[in-house]
């Protein structure tokens, strides 16, 4: 079954004294996700924004493989922001910046980006396990912001469970979708066609669909 993102640190997971949180999903999915990102980011330079970074473990793993890319993690949850900063400090990596507080329900994302501060040459945006556990306007804001901040040829990587042509790709995803909508009618597994429409409106095009473990996909959009 696709992973369900909760507020890390309140789910019984380990919390280190410095505030670092651990996401079991990271242990399962970081290598397959990196295999997709590597095809597009290896040897590249510029800035990459991760929206909805959660614990901060993914950004550390990716940054180790891309010394010429500056990574900008972000989240909205304060506990997550502390964990991201703690993982950044623990890693000792110089190509990870302190996390931004990005609200995807705002098409501008955050005051720093709107003011032209922070990343200047955005080669990619990475977003994992977000739009199915948020209202639809969060997906709208994700694509609007990506279309605004990505450089020409920049990529948006979107990881999670998806439907195709209105149908679930696995029974487990259908069960998961029902549980999400029972908890919050504004949540749910999104259809690829619907996110493609958002991409088109933002000046992006879907260029890849990558099959992932646990009935997930990584969609790659290009500006």
N, C-alpha and C. Protein backbone atom coordinates (compact mmCIF):
# COMPACT_ATOMS: atom_id res chain seq x y z
N UNK A 1 0.84 -1.20 0.00
CA UNK A 1 0.00 0.00 0.00
C UNK A 1 0.87 1.24 0.00
N UNK A 2 0.45 2.27 -0.69
CA UNK A 2 1.22 3.51 -0.72
C UNK A 2 1.38 4.08 0.68
N UNK A 3 2.52 4.72 0.90
CA UNK A 3 2.79 5.27 2.23
C UNK A 3 1.83 6.41 2.55
N UNK A 4 1.47 6.52 3.80
CA UNK A 4 0.61 7.60 4.26
C UNK A 4 1.45 8.53 5.12
N UNK A 5 1.55 9.77 4.71
CA UNK A 5 2.38 10.73 5.41
C UNK A 5 1.64 11.26 6.63
N UNK A 6 2.27 11.18 7.78
CA UNK A 6 1.72 11.72 9.01
C UNK A 6 2.68 12.80 9.50
N UNK A 7 2.32 13.44 10.60
CA UNK A 7 3.26 14.39 11.19
C UNK A 7 4.34 13.57 11.89
N UNK A 8 5.52 13.60 11.33
CA UNK A 8 6.62 12.82 11.89
C UNK A 8 6.95 13.33 13.29
N UNK A 9 7.29 12.39 14.17
CA UNK A 9 7.58 12.74 15.54
C UNK A 9 6.38 12.55 16.46
N UNK A 10 5.20 12.42 15.87
CA UNK A 10 3.99 12.14 16.65
C UNK A 10 3.40 10.78 16.29
N UNK A 11 4.15 10.02 15.53
CA UNK A 11 3.67 8.72 15.04
C UNK A 11 4.40 7.55 15.71
N UNK A 12 5.10 7.84 16.80
CA UNK A 12 5.82 6.79 17.50
C UNK A 12 7.21 6.53 16.98
N UNK A 13 7.63 7.29 15.96
CA UNK A 13 8.96 7.13 15.39
C UNK A 13 10.04 7.72 16.28
N UNK A 14 11.29 7.37 15.96
CA UNK A 14 12.42 7.82 16.75
C UNK A 14 12.64 9.32 16.61
N UNK A 15 12.94 9.98 17.72
CA UNK A 15 13.28 11.40 17.71
C UNK A 15 14.64 11.54 18.39
N UNK A 16 15.63 12.03 17.65
CA UNK A 16 16.97 12.21 18.22
C UNK A 16 17.00 13.46 19.11
N UNK A 17 17.96 13.52 20.05
CA UNK A 17 18.04 14.68 20.94
C UNK A 17 18.15 16.02 20.21
N UNK A 18 18.75 16.01 19.01
CA UNK A 18 18.89 17.27 18.27
C UNK A 18 17.66 17.61 17.44
N UNK A 19 16.62 16.77 17.53
CA UNK A 19 15.38 17.05 16.79
C UNK A 19 15.23 16.28 15.50
N UNK A 20 16.23 15.47 15.12
CA UNK A 20 16.12 14.70 13.88
C UNK A 20 15.03 13.64 14.01
N UNK A 21 14.15 13.62 13.03
CA UNK A 21 13.08 12.63 12.96
C UNK A 21 13.42 11.59 11.91
N UNK A 22 12.79 10.43 12.02
CA UNK A 22 13.04 9.34 11.07
C UNK A 22 11.74 8.94 10.41
N UNK A 23 11.76 8.84 9.09
CA UNK A 23 10.59 8.41 8.33
C UNK A 23 10.83 7.00 7.78
N UNK A 24 10.06 6.00 8.21
CA UNK A 24 10.25 4.66 7.65
C UNK A 24 10.14 4.63 6.13
N UNK A 25 9.28 5.50 5.56
CA UNK A 25 9.13 5.53 4.10
C UNK A 25 10.45 5.90 3.43
N UNK A 26 11.24 6.75 4.07
CA UNK A 26 12.54 7.12 3.49
C UNK A 26 13.41 5.90 3.28
N UNK A 27 13.42 5.00 4.26
CA UNK A 27 14.25 3.81 4.15
C UNK A 27 13.81 2.94 2.98
N UNK A 28 12.52 2.97 2.66
CA UNK A 28 12.00 2.13 1.58
C UNK A 28 12.13 2.75 0.20
N UNK A 29 12.05 4.08 0.11
CA UNK A 29 11.88 4.66 -1.22
C UNK A 29 13.00 5.56 -1.71
N UNK A 30 14.01 5.88 -0.85
CA UNK A 30 14.97 6.89 -1.30
C UNK A 30 15.83 6.43 -2.47
N UNK A 31 16.18 5.15 -2.50
CA UNK A 31 17.01 4.67 -3.62
C UNK A 31 16.23 4.65 -4.94
N UNK A 32 15.00 4.10 -4.97
CA UNK A 32 14.25 4.15 -6.23
C UNK A 32 13.97 5.58 -6.71
N UNK A 33 13.68 6.48 -5.78
CA UNK A 33 13.44 7.86 -6.18
C UNK A 33 14.71 8.48 -6.74
N UNK A 34 15.84 8.23 -6.06
CA UNK A 34 17.08 8.81 -6.56
C UNK A 34 17.43 8.27 -7.95
N UNK A 35 17.10 7.02 -8.22
CA UNK A 35 17.38 6.45 -9.53
C UNK A 35 16.68 7.24 -10.63
N UNK A 36 15.49 7.76 -10.34
CA UNK A 36 14.77 8.59 -11.31
C UNK A 36 15.41 9.97 -11.40
N UNK A 37 15.64 10.58 -10.26
CA UNK A 37 16.21 11.93 -10.26
C UNK A 37 17.60 11.95 -10.89
N UNK A 38 18.35 10.89 -10.67
CA UNK A 38 19.74 10.86 -11.16
C UNK A 38 19.80 10.99 -12.67
N UNK A 39 18.81 10.47 -13.37
CA UNK A 39 18.81 10.54 -14.84
C UNK A 39 18.78 11.99 -15.32
N UNK A 40 18.19 12.86 -14.50
CA UNK A 40 18.01 14.25 -14.90
C UNK A 40 18.97 15.22 -14.21
N UNK A 41 19.45 14.86 -13.02
CA UNK A 41 20.22 15.80 -12.21
C UNK A 41 21.71 15.52 -12.16
N UNK A 42 22.14 14.30 -12.44
CA UNK A 42 23.57 14.00 -12.38
C UNK A 42 24.34 14.90 -13.35
N UNK A 43 25.37 15.55 -12.82
CA UNK A 43 26.19 16.45 -13.63
C UNK A 43 25.60 17.83 -13.83
N UNK A 44 24.42 18.08 -13.25
CA UNK A 44 23.78 19.38 -13.40
C UNK A 44 24.25 20.34 -12.30
N UNK A 45 24.02 21.62 -12.53
CA UNK A 45 24.29 22.65 -11.53
C UNK A 45 23.05 23.53 -11.41
N UNK A 46 22.98 24.29 -10.33
CA UNK A 46 21.84 25.17 -10.08
C UNK A 46 21.21 24.87 -8.74
N UNK A 47 19.95 25.26 -8.58
CA UNK A 47 19.22 25.08 -7.34
C UNK A 47 18.09 24.08 -7.52
N UNK A 48 17.83 23.28 -6.48
CA UNK A 48 16.68 22.39 -6.46
C UNK A 48 15.90 22.65 -5.17
N UNK A 49 14.60 22.86 -5.32
CA UNK A 49 13.72 23.07 -4.17
C UNK A 49 12.96 21.78 -3.89
N UNK A 50 13.03 21.30 -2.66
CA UNK A 50 12.17 20.19 -2.24
C UNK A 50 11.02 20.78 -1.44
N UNK A 51 9.80 20.56 -1.88
CA UNK A 51 8.64 21.06 -1.16
C UNK A 51 8.01 19.91 -0.39
N UNK A 52 7.69 20.17 0.89
CA UNK A 52 7.19 19.12 1.75
C UNK A 52 8.27 18.13 2.11
N UNK A 53 9.38 18.63 2.66
CA UNK A 53 10.55 17.78 2.93
C UNK A 53 10.36 16.81 4.08
N UNK A 54 9.36 17.03 4.93
CA UNK A 54 9.13 16.09 6.03
C UNK A 54 10.28 16.08 7.01
N UNK A 55 10.92 14.92 7.18
CA UNK A 55 12.00 14.81 8.16
C UNK A 55 13.28 15.50 7.69
N UNK A 56 13.48 15.59 6.36
CA UNK A 56 14.72 16.14 5.83
C UNK A 56 15.72 15.09 5.38
N UNK A 57 15.36 13.82 5.47
CA UNK A 57 16.30 12.76 5.12
C UNK A 57 16.53 12.65 3.61
N UNK A 58 15.48 12.85 2.82
CA UNK A 58 15.65 12.74 1.37
C UNK A 58 16.65 13.77 0.86
N UNK A 59 16.51 15.00 1.31
CA UNK A 59 17.36 16.05 0.75
C UNK A 59 18.83 15.79 1.06
N UNK A 60 19.12 15.22 2.21
CA UNK A 60 20.50 14.88 2.56
C UNK A 60 21.03 13.80 1.61
N UNK A 61 20.22 12.79 1.37
CA UNK A 61 20.66 11.70 0.47
C UNK A 61 20.92 12.23 -0.93
N UNK A 62 20.01 13.05 -1.44
CA UNK A 62 20.17 13.57 -2.80
C UNK A 62 21.37 14.51 -2.91
N UNK A 63 21.56 15.33 -1.88
CA UNK A 63 22.65 16.31 -1.92
C UNK A 63 24.02 15.62 -1.94
N UNK A 64 24.13 14.47 -1.30
CA UNK A 64 25.41 13.74 -1.31
C UNK A 64 25.81 13.35 -2.74
N UNK A 65 24.83 13.13 -3.59
CA UNK A 65 25.10 12.67 -4.95
C UNK A 65 25.27 13.82 -5.95
N UNK A 66 24.99 15.04 -5.53
CA UNK A 66 24.98 16.17 -6.48
C UNK A 66 25.72 17.36 -5.89
N UNK A 67 27.05 17.31 -5.83
CA UNK A 67 27.81 18.38 -5.17
C UNK A 67 27.69 19.74 -5.85
N UNK A 68 27.30 19.77 -7.13
CA UNK A 68 27.20 21.04 -7.83
C UNK A 68 25.79 21.64 -7.79
N UNK A 69 24.87 20.95 -7.12
CA UNK A 69 23.51 21.46 -6.95
C UNK A 69 23.33 21.95 -5.53
N UNK A 70 22.69 23.09 -5.38
CA UNK A 70 22.32 23.62 -4.06
C UNK A 70 20.87 23.22 -3.79
N UNK A 71 20.67 22.52 -2.69
CA UNK A 71 19.34 22.01 -2.33
C UNK A 71 18.68 22.92 -1.30
N UNK A 72 17.42 23.22 -1.54
CA UNK A 72 16.61 24.07 -0.65
C UNK A 72 15.42 23.27 -0.16
N UNK A 73 15.52 22.65 1.02
CA UNK A 73 14.38 21.93 1.57
C UNK A 73 13.33 22.90 2.10
N UNK A 74 12.14 22.38 2.33
CA UNK A 74 11.08 23.24 2.86
C UNK A 74 9.99 22.39 3.49
N UNK A 75 9.20 23.03 4.32
CA UNK A 75 8.01 22.40 4.88
C UNK A 75 7.16 23.51 5.49
N UNK A 76 5.97 23.13 5.95
CA UNK A 76 5.10 24.09 6.63
C UNK A 76 5.01 23.79 8.12
N UNK A 77 5.26 22.52 8.48
CA UNK A 77 5.16 22.07 9.86
C UNK A 77 6.42 22.44 10.64
N UNK A 78 6.25 23.06 11.81
CA UNK A 78 7.40 23.54 12.57
C UNK A 78 8.28 22.41 13.08
N UNK A 79 7.69 21.30 13.49
CA UNK A 79 8.47 20.15 13.95
C UNK A 79 9.33 19.60 12.80
N UNK A 80 8.75 19.56 11.61
CA UNK A 80 9.51 19.09 10.45
C UNK A 80 10.65 20.06 10.13
N UNK A 81 10.38 21.34 10.20
CA UNK A 81 11.43 22.33 9.90
C UNK A 81 12.62 22.15 10.84
N UNK A 82 12.35 21.88 12.11
CA UNK A 82 13.45 21.64 13.07
C UNK A 82 14.23 20.39 12.69
N UNK A 83 13.51 19.34 12.29
CA UNK A 83 14.19 18.10 11.90
C UNK A 83 15.03 18.31 10.65
N UNK A 84 14.50 19.03 9.67
CA UNK A 84 15.25 19.30 8.44
C UNK A 84 16.55 20.02 8.76
N UNK A 85 16.47 21.04 9.59
CA UNK A 85 17.66 21.80 9.95
C UNK A 85 18.65 20.92 10.72
N UNK A 86 18.14 20.05 11.58
CA UNK A 86 19.02 19.16 12.34
C UNK A 86 19.71 18.16 11.41
N UNK A 87 18.99 17.60 10.43
CA UNK A 87 19.61 16.70 9.47
C UNK A 87 20.64 17.43 8.62
N UNK A 88 20.33 18.67 8.25
CA UNK A 88 21.28 19.47 7.47
C UNK A 88 22.58 19.65 8.25
N UNK A 89 22.46 20.03 9.51
CA UNK A 89 23.65 20.24 10.34
C UNK A 89 24.40 18.93 10.56
N UNK A 90 23.66 17.87 10.81
CA UNK A 90 24.27 16.56 11.06
C UNK A 90 25.04 16.08 9.84
N UNK A 91 24.55 16.36 8.65
CA UNK A 91 25.19 15.88 7.42
C UNK A 91 26.53 16.56 7.16
N UNK A 92 26.64 17.81 7.57
CA UNK A 92 27.85 18.57 7.28
C UNK A 92 27.98 18.98 5.83
N UNK A 93 26.95 18.76 5.04
CA UNK A 93 27.00 19.09 3.61
C UNK A 93 26.84 20.59 3.41
N UNK A 94 27.68 21.14 2.54
CA UNK A 94 27.65 22.57 2.28
C UNK A 94 26.64 22.97 1.21
N UNK A 95 26.08 21.99 0.50
CA UNK A 95 25.16 22.32 -0.59
C UNK A 95 23.69 22.12 -0.20
N UNK A 96 23.41 22.20 1.11
CA UNK A 96 22.03 22.20 1.59
C UNK A 96 21.82 23.50 2.36
N UNK A 97 20.79 24.23 2.02
CA UNK A 97 20.47 25.47 2.72
C UNK A 97 19.46 25.21 3.84
N UNK A 98 19.38 26.13 4.77
CA UNK A 98 18.38 26.02 5.83
C UNK A 98 16.98 26.01 5.22
N UNK A 99 16.05 25.29 5.83
CA UNK A 99 14.75 25.10 5.20
C UNK A 99 13.92 26.39 5.10
N UNK A 100 13.22 26.49 3.98
CA UNK A 100 12.23 27.54 3.79
C UNK A 100 10.89 27.07 4.34
N UNK A 101 10.07 28.02 4.77
CA UNK A 101 8.71 27.69 5.20
C UNK A 101 7.77 27.97 4.02
N UNK A 102 7.53 26.94 3.22
CA UNK A 102 6.72 27.08 2.01
C UNK A 102 5.31 26.56 2.26
N UNK A 103 4.34 27.38 1.90
CA UNK A 103 2.93 27.02 1.98
C UNK A 103 2.43 26.87 0.55
N UNK A 104 2.20 25.63 0.11
CA UNK A 104 1.81 25.39 -1.27
C UNK A 104 0.40 25.87 -1.59
N UNK A 105 -0.38 26.18 -0.56
CA UNK A 105 -1.71 26.74 -0.84
C UNK A 105 -1.61 28.18 -1.33
N UNK A 106 -0.43 28.78 -1.17
CA UNK A 106 -0.15 30.13 -1.67
C UNK A 106 0.67 29.98 -2.95
N UNK A 107 0.15 30.44 -4.10
CA UNK A 107 0.89 30.29 -5.36
C UNK A 107 2.28 30.92 -5.34
N UNK A 108 2.51 31.90 -4.43
CA UNK A 108 3.84 32.50 -4.29
C UNK A 108 4.78 31.65 -3.45
N UNK A 109 4.24 30.67 -2.74
CA UNK A 109 4.95 29.72 -1.90
C UNK A 109 5.47 30.33 -0.61
N UNK A 110 6.31 31.37 -0.68
CA UNK A 110 6.82 31.98 0.54
C UNK A 110 7.33 33.38 0.21
N UNK A 111 7.40 34.28 1.22
CA UNK A 111 7.82 35.65 0.97
C UNK A 111 9.21 35.76 0.35
N UNK A 112 10.13 34.86 0.75
CA UNK A 112 11.50 34.95 0.24
C UNK A 112 11.53 34.75 -1.28
N UNK A 113 10.81 33.75 -1.75
CA UNK A 113 10.79 33.49 -3.18
C UNK A 113 10.08 34.61 -3.94
N UNK A 114 8.99 35.10 -3.39
CA UNK A 114 8.25 36.18 -4.04
C UNK A 114 9.12 37.43 -4.16
N UNK A 115 9.97 37.65 -3.16
CA UNK A 115 10.84 38.83 -3.16
C UNK A 115 12.12 38.62 -3.97
N UNK A 116 12.29 37.44 -4.56
CA UNK A 116 13.49 37.17 -5.34
C UNK A 116 14.68 36.77 -4.51
N UNK A 117 14.44 36.43 -3.25
CA UNK A 117 15.50 35.95 -2.38
C UNK A 117 15.55 34.42 -2.45
N UNK A 118 16.62 33.83 -1.94
CA UNK A 118 16.73 32.38 -1.97
C UNK A 118 17.23 31.88 -3.30
N UNK A 119 16.72 30.72 -3.76
CA UNK A 119 17.23 30.14 -5.00
C UNK A 119 16.98 31.04 -6.20
N UNK A 120 17.98 31.15 -7.05
CA UNK A 120 17.90 32.04 -8.21
C UNK A 120 17.86 31.28 -9.54
N UNK A 121 18.36 30.05 -9.56
CA UNK A 121 18.49 29.30 -10.80
C UNK A 121 17.90 27.91 -10.57
N UNK A 122 16.56 27.81 -10.54
CA UNK A 122 15.89 26.59 -10.09
C UNK A 122 15.84 25.57 -11.23
N UNK A 123 16.68 24.55 -11.08
CA UNK A 123 16.76 23.48 -12.07
C UNK A 123 15.65 22.46 -11.90
N UNK A 124 15.16 22.30 -10.66
CA UNK A 124 14.15 21.28 -10.40
C UNK A 124 13.40 21.58 -9.11
N UNK A 125 12.20 21.02 -9.04
CA UNK A 125 11.39 20.99 -7.83
C UNK A 125 11.05 19.53 -7.58
N UNK A 126 11.22 19.07 -6.33
CA UNK A 126 10.90 17.70 -5.97
C UNK A 126 9.81 17.72 -4.90
N UNK A 127 8.78 16.90 -5.11
CA UNK A 127 7.66 16.85 -4.16
C UNK A 127 7.21 15.40 -4.02
N UNK A 128 7.25 14.87 -2.81
CA UNK A 128 6.87 13.48 -2.56
C UNK A 128 5.76 13.39 -1.53
N UNK A 129 4.75 12.59 -1.84
CA UNK A 129 3.68 12.26 -0.88
C UNK A 129 3.05 13.50 -0.25
N UNK A 130 2.58 14.40 -1.10
CA UNK A 130 1.96 15.62 -0.61
C UNK A 130 0.54 15.79 -1.14
N UNK A 131 0.36 15.74 -2.46
CA UNK A 131 -0.91 16.24 -3.00
C UNK A 131 -2.10 15.34 -2.72
N UNK A 132 -1.88 14.09 -2.32
CA UNK A 132 -3.02 13.23 -1.98
C UNK A 132 -3.45 13.41 -0.52
N UNK A 133 -2.64 14.07 0.28
CA UNK A 133 -3.02 14.31 1.69
C UNK A 133 -3.19 15.81 1.93
N UNK A 134 -3.75 16.47 0.94
CA UNK A 134 -3.98 17.91 1.01
C UNK A 134 -5.14 18.25 0.09
N UNK A 135 -5.80 19.37 0.32
CA UNK A 135 -6.87 19.78 -0.60
C UNK A 135 -6.31 20.05 -2.00
N UNK A 136 -7.19 20.03 -2.98
CA UNK A 136 -6.78 20.18 -4.38
C UNK A 136 -6.07 21.50 -4.64
N UNK A 137 -6.44 22.56 -3.89
CA UNK A 137 -5.79 23.85 -4.14
C UNK A 137 -4.29 23.81 -3.79
N UNK A 138 -3.86 22.84 -3.00
CA UNK A 138 -2.43 22.67 -2.74
C UNK A 138 -1.72 22.17 -4.01
N UNK A 139 -2.34 21.23 -4.71
CA UNK A 139 -1.79 20.78 -6.00
C UNK A 139 -1.75 21.94 -6.99
N UNK A 140 -2.80 22.74 -7.01
CA UNK A 140 -2.83 23.90 -7.89
C UNK A 140 -1.68 24.85 -7.58
N UNK A 141 -1.45 25.10 -6.29
CA UNK A 141 -0.36 25.99 -5.89
C UNK A 141 1.00 25.42 -6.20
N UNK A 142 1.14 24.09 -6.08
CA UNK A 142 2.40 23.44 -6.42
C UNK A 142 2.78 23.72 -7.87
N UNK A 143 1.84 23.50 -8.77
CA UNK A 143 2.15 23.67 -10.19
C UNK A 143 2.29 25.14 -10.57
N UNK A 144 1.48 26.01 -9.97
CA UNK A 144 1.62 27.43 -10.27
C UNK A 144 3.00 27.93 -9.87
N UNK A 145 3.44 27.56 -8.67
CA UNK A 145 4.76 27.99 -8.22
C UNK A 145 5.88 27.38 -9.03
N UNK A 146 5.75 26.09 -9.36
CA UNK A 146 6.79 25.45 -10.17
C UNK A 146 6.91 26.12 -11.52
N UNK A 147 5.77 26.44 -12.13
CA UNK A 147 5.81 27.12 -13.42
C UNK A 147 6.44 28.50 -13.33
N UNK A 148 6.30 29.13 -12.18
CA UNK A 148 6.84 30.47 -11.97
C UNK A 148 8.34 30.45 -11.71
N UNK A 149 8.82 29.50 -10.92
CA UNK A 149 10.20 29.55 -10.44
C UNK A 149 11.18 28.69 -11.22
N UNK A 150 10.71 27.66 -11.92
CA UNK A 150 11.63 26.79 -12.66
C UNK A 150 12.26 27.55 -13.83
N UNK A 151 13.53 27.30 -14.07
CA UNK A 151 14.18 27.85 -15.25
C UNK A 151 13.69 27.10 -16.50
N UNK A 152 13.99 27.63 -17.66
CA UNK A 152 13.63 26.96 -18.90
C UNK A 152 14.26 25.57 -18.93
N UNK A 153 13.46 24.56 -19.20
CA UNK A 153 13.95 23.18 -19.20
C UNK A 153 13.98 22.56 -17.82
N UNK A 154 13.59 23.32 -16.79
CA UNK A 154 13.59 22.79 -15.43
C UNK A 154 12.54 21.70 -15.26
N UNK A 155 12.74 20.83 -14.26
CA UNK A 155 11.90 19.67 -14.05
C UNK A 155 11.15 19.74 -12.71
N UNK A 156 9.92 19.24 -12.72
CA UNK A 156 9.16 19.00 -11.50
C UNK A 156 9.01 17.49 -11.35
N UNK A 157 9.51 16.94 -10.24
CA UNK A 157 9.39 15.52 -9.93
C UNK A 157 8.29 15.35 -8.89
N UNK A 158 7.29 14.54 -9.20
CA UNK A 158 6.13 14.38 -8.31
C UNK A 158 5.96 12.90 -8.01
N UNK A 159 6.17 12.53 -6.74
CA UNK A 159 6.13 11.13 -6.32
C UNK A 159 4.90 10.87 -5.46
N UNK A 160 4.27 9.72 -5.69
CA UNK A 160 3.14 9.32 -4.87
C UNK A 160 2.23 8.36 -5.61
N UNK A 161 1.06 8.04 -5.03
CA UNK A 161 0.09 7.19 -5.72
C UNK A 161 -0.75 8.03 -6.68
N UNK A 162 -1.12 7.45 -7.81
CA UNK A 162 -1.94 8.16 -8.80
C UNK A 162 -2.93 7.20 -9.44
N UNK A 163 -4.02 7.75 -9.93
CA UNK A 163 -4.94 7.02 -10.80
C UNK A 163 -4.60 7.32 -12.26
N UNK A 164 -4.98 6.39 -13.15
CA UNK A 164 -4.85 6.61 -14.59
C UNK A 164 -6.24 6.53 -15.22
N UNK A 165 -6.61 7.59 -15.92
CA UNK A 165 -7.91 7.62 -16.61
C UNK A 165 -9.05 7.26 -15.66
N UNK A 166 -8.96 7.78 -14.44
CA UNK A 166 -10.01 7.58 -13.46
C UNK A 166 -9.99 6.25 -12.74
N UNK A 167 -9.02 5.39 -13.03
CA UNK A 167 -8.96 4.07 -12.41
C UNK A 167 -7.69 3.92 -11.59
N UNK A 168 -7.82 3.23 -10.46
CA UNK A 168 -6.66 2.97 -9.62
C UNK A 168 -5.75 1.94 -10.28
N UNK A 169 -4.46 2.07 -10.01
CA UNK A 169 -3.48 1.15 -10.59
C UNK A 169 -3.33 -0.12 -9.76
N UNK A 170 -3.92 -0.15 -8.56
CA UNK A 170 -3.84 -1.33 -7.70
C UNK A 170 -4.98 -1.28 -6.69
N UNK A 171 -5.44 -2.45 -6.26
CA UNK A 171 -6.50 -2.51 -5.27
C UNK A 171 -6.10 -1.81 -3.98
N UNK A 172 -4.83 -1.96 -3.60
CA UNK A 172 -4.38 -1.33 -2.35
C UNK A 172 -4.50 0.19 -2.42
N UNK A 173 -4.27 0.77 -3.61
CA UNK A 173 -4.42 2.21 -3.76
C UNK A 173 -5.88 2.63 -3.67
N UNK A 174 -6.79 1.78 -4.16
CA UNK A 174 -8.22 2.07 -4.05
C UNK A 174 -8.65 2.09 -2.58
N UNK A 175 -8.16 1.12 -1.82
CA UNK A 175 -8.47 1.07 -0.39
C UNK A 175 -7.89 2.29 0.32
N UNK A 176 -6.67 2.63 -0.05
CA UNK A 176 -5.99 3.80 0.53
C UNK A 176 -6.77 5.06 0.22
N UNK A 177 -7.21 5.21 -1.02
CA UNK A 177 -7.97 6.38 -1.44
C UNK A 177 -9.25 6.52 -0.62
N UNK A 178 -9.95 5.42 -0.43
CA UNK A 178 -11.18 5.44 0.36
C UNK A 178 -10.90 5.88 1.79
N UNK A 179 -9.81 5.38 2.37
CA UNK A 179 -9.49 5.75 3.75
C UNK A 179 -9.15 7.23 3.85
N UNK A 180 -8.46 7.76 2.83
CA UNK A 180 -8.14 9.19 2.83
C UNK A 180 -9.40 10.03 2.78
N UNK A 181 -10.30 9.68 1.85
CA UNK A 181 -11.51 10.48 1.66
C UNK A 181 -12.47 10.35 2.83
N UNK A 182 -12.44 9.19 3.50
CA UNK A 182 -13.25 9.04 4.71
C UNK A 182 -12.76 9.97 5.81
N UNK A 183 -11.45 10.15 5.89
CA UNK A 183 -10.88 11.03 6.90
C UNK A 183 -11.02 12.49 6.56
N UNK A 184 -10.92 12.82 5.26
CA UNK A 184 -11.04 14.21 4.81
C UNK A 184 -11.50 14.18 3.35
N UNK A 185 -12.72 14.61 3.06
CA UNK A 185 -13.24 14.54 1.69
C UNK A 185 -12.42 15.33 0.68
N UNK A 186 -11.59 16.26 1.14
CA UNK A 186 -10.77 17.05 0.22
C UNK A 186 -9.46 16.35 -0.16
N UNK A 187 -9.17 15.23 0.50
CA UNK A 187 -7.96 14.48 0.20
C UNK A 187 -8.30 13.36 -0.78
N UNK A 188 -7.28 12.67 -1.25
CA UNK A 188 -7.50 11.51 -2.10
C UNK A 188 -6.43 11.34 -3.15
N UNK A 189 -6.32 10.12 -3.67
CA UNK A 189 -5.36 9.82 -4.73
C UNK A 189 -5.79 10.57 -5.99
N UNK A 190 -4.86 11.29 -6.60
CA UNK A 190 -5.17 12.15 -7.74
C UNK A 190 -4.99 11.41 -9.05
N UNK A 191 -5.71 11.89 -10.07
CA UNK A 191 -5.62 11.30 -11.39
C UNK A 191 -4.55 12.00 -12.21
N UNK A 192 -3.77 11.22 -12.96
CA UNK A 192 -2.70 11.79 -13.77
C UNK A 192 -3.25 12.83 -14.74
N UNK A 193 -4.40 12.56 -15.33
CA UNK A 193 -4.99 13.51 -16.26
C UNK A 193 -5.28 14.85 -15.63
N UNK A 194 -5.72 14.84 -14.38
CA UNK A 194 -6.03 16.10 -13.69
C UNK A 194 -4.76 16.89 -13.39
N UNK A 195 -3.69 16.21 -12.99
CA UNK A 195 -2.46 16.94 -12.71
C UNK A 195 -1.81 17.40 -14.01
N UNK A 196 -2.02 16.66 -15.09
CA UNK A 196 -1.53 17.12 -16.39
C UNK A 196 -2.18 18.45 -16.79
N UNK A 197 -3.46 18.61 -16.48
CA UNK A 197 -4.13 19.86 -16.80
C UNK A 197 -3.52 21.02 -16.00
N UNK A 198 -3.21 20.77 -14.73
CA UNK A 198 -2.55 21.80 -13.93
C UNK A 198 -1.19 22.13 -14.53
N UNK A 199 -0.47 21.10 -14.94
CA UNK A 199 0.84 21.32 -15.53
C UNK A 199 0.73 22.17 -16.79
N UNK A 200 -0.21 21.84 -17.65
CA UNK A 200 -0.38 22.59 -18.90
C UNK A 200 -0.65 24.06 -18.61
N UNK A 201 -1.51 24.33 -17.62
CA UNK A 201 -1.84 25.72 -17.27
C UNK A 201 -0.64 26.48 -16.72
N UNK A 202 0.33 25.73 -16.17
CA UNK A 202 1.52 26.35 -15.60
C UNK A 202 2.70 26.37 -16.57
N UNK A 203 2.48 25.94 -17.80
CA UNK A 203 3.56 25.92 -18.78
C UNK A 203 4.47 24.73 -18.66
N UNK A 204 3.98 23.64 -18.08
CA UNK A 204 4.77 22.42 -17.92
C UNK A 204 4.14 21.29 -18.73
N UNK A 205 4.96 20.31 -19.06
CA UNK A 205 4.48 19.15 -19.82
C UNK A 205 4.98 17.87 -19.16
N UNK A 206 4.11 16.86 -19.09
CA UNK A 206 4.50 15.56 -18.56
C UNK A 206 5.38 14.84 -19.57
N UNK A 207 6.60 14.47 -19.14
CA UNK A 207 7.54 13.82 -20.07
C UNK A 207 7.88 12.39 -19.67
N UNK A 208 7.57 11.99 -18.42
CA UNK A 208 7.89 10.63 -17.97
C UNK A 208 6.90 10.18 -16.92
N UNK A 209 6.59 8.88 -16.94
CA UNK A 209 5.89 8.20 -15.85
C UNK A 209 6.76 7.02 -15.43
N UNK A 210 7.25 7.05 -14.21
CA UNK A 210 8.15 6.01 -13.72
C UNK A 210 7.44 5.16 -12.67
N UNK A 211 7.37 3.86 -12.93
CA UNK A 211 6.79 2.92 -11.96
C UNK A 211 7.73 2.79 -10.76
N UNK A 212 7.14 2.84 -9.56
CA UNK A 212 7.91 2.79 -8.33
C UNK A 212 7.38 1.67 -7.44
N UNK A 213 8.15 1.31 -6.40
CA UNK A 213 7.66 0.29 -5.46
C UNK A 213 6.38 0.75 -4.76
N UNK A 214 5.66 -0.20 -4.20
CA UNK A 214 4.45 0.05 -3.40
C UNK A 214 3.36 0.76 -4.20
N UNK A 215 3.30 0.48 -5.51
CA UNK A 215 2.23 1.02 -6.38
C UNK A 215 2.24 2.54 -6.45
N UNK A 216 3.42 3.11 -6.36
CA UNK A 216 3.59 4.54 -6.54
C UNK A 216 4.16 4.84 -7.92
N UNK A 217 4.15 6.11 -8.27
CA UNK A 217 4.76 6.59 -9.52
C UNK A 217 5.60 7.82 -9.21
N UNK A 218 6.59 8.06 -10.05
CA UNK A 218 7.25 9.36 -10.08
C UNK A 218 6.98 9.95 -11.45
N UNK A 219 6.21 11.06 -11.46
CA UNK A 219 5.91 11.78 -12.68
C UNK A 219 6.95 12.88 -12.86
N UNK A 220 7.42 13.06 -14.07
CA UNK A 220 8.40 14.10 -14.38
C UNK A 220 7.79 15.07 -15.37
N UNK A 221 7.75 16.33 -14.97
CA UNK A 221 7.24 17.40 -15.81
C UNK A 221 8.40 18.34 -16.17
N UNK A 222 8.34 18.90 -17.37
CA UNK A 222 9.40 19.82 -17.82
C UNK A 222 8.78 21.15 -18.21
N UNK A 223 9.52 22.22 -17.90
CA UNK A 223 9.07 23.57 -18.26
C UNK A 223 9.65 23.94 -19.62
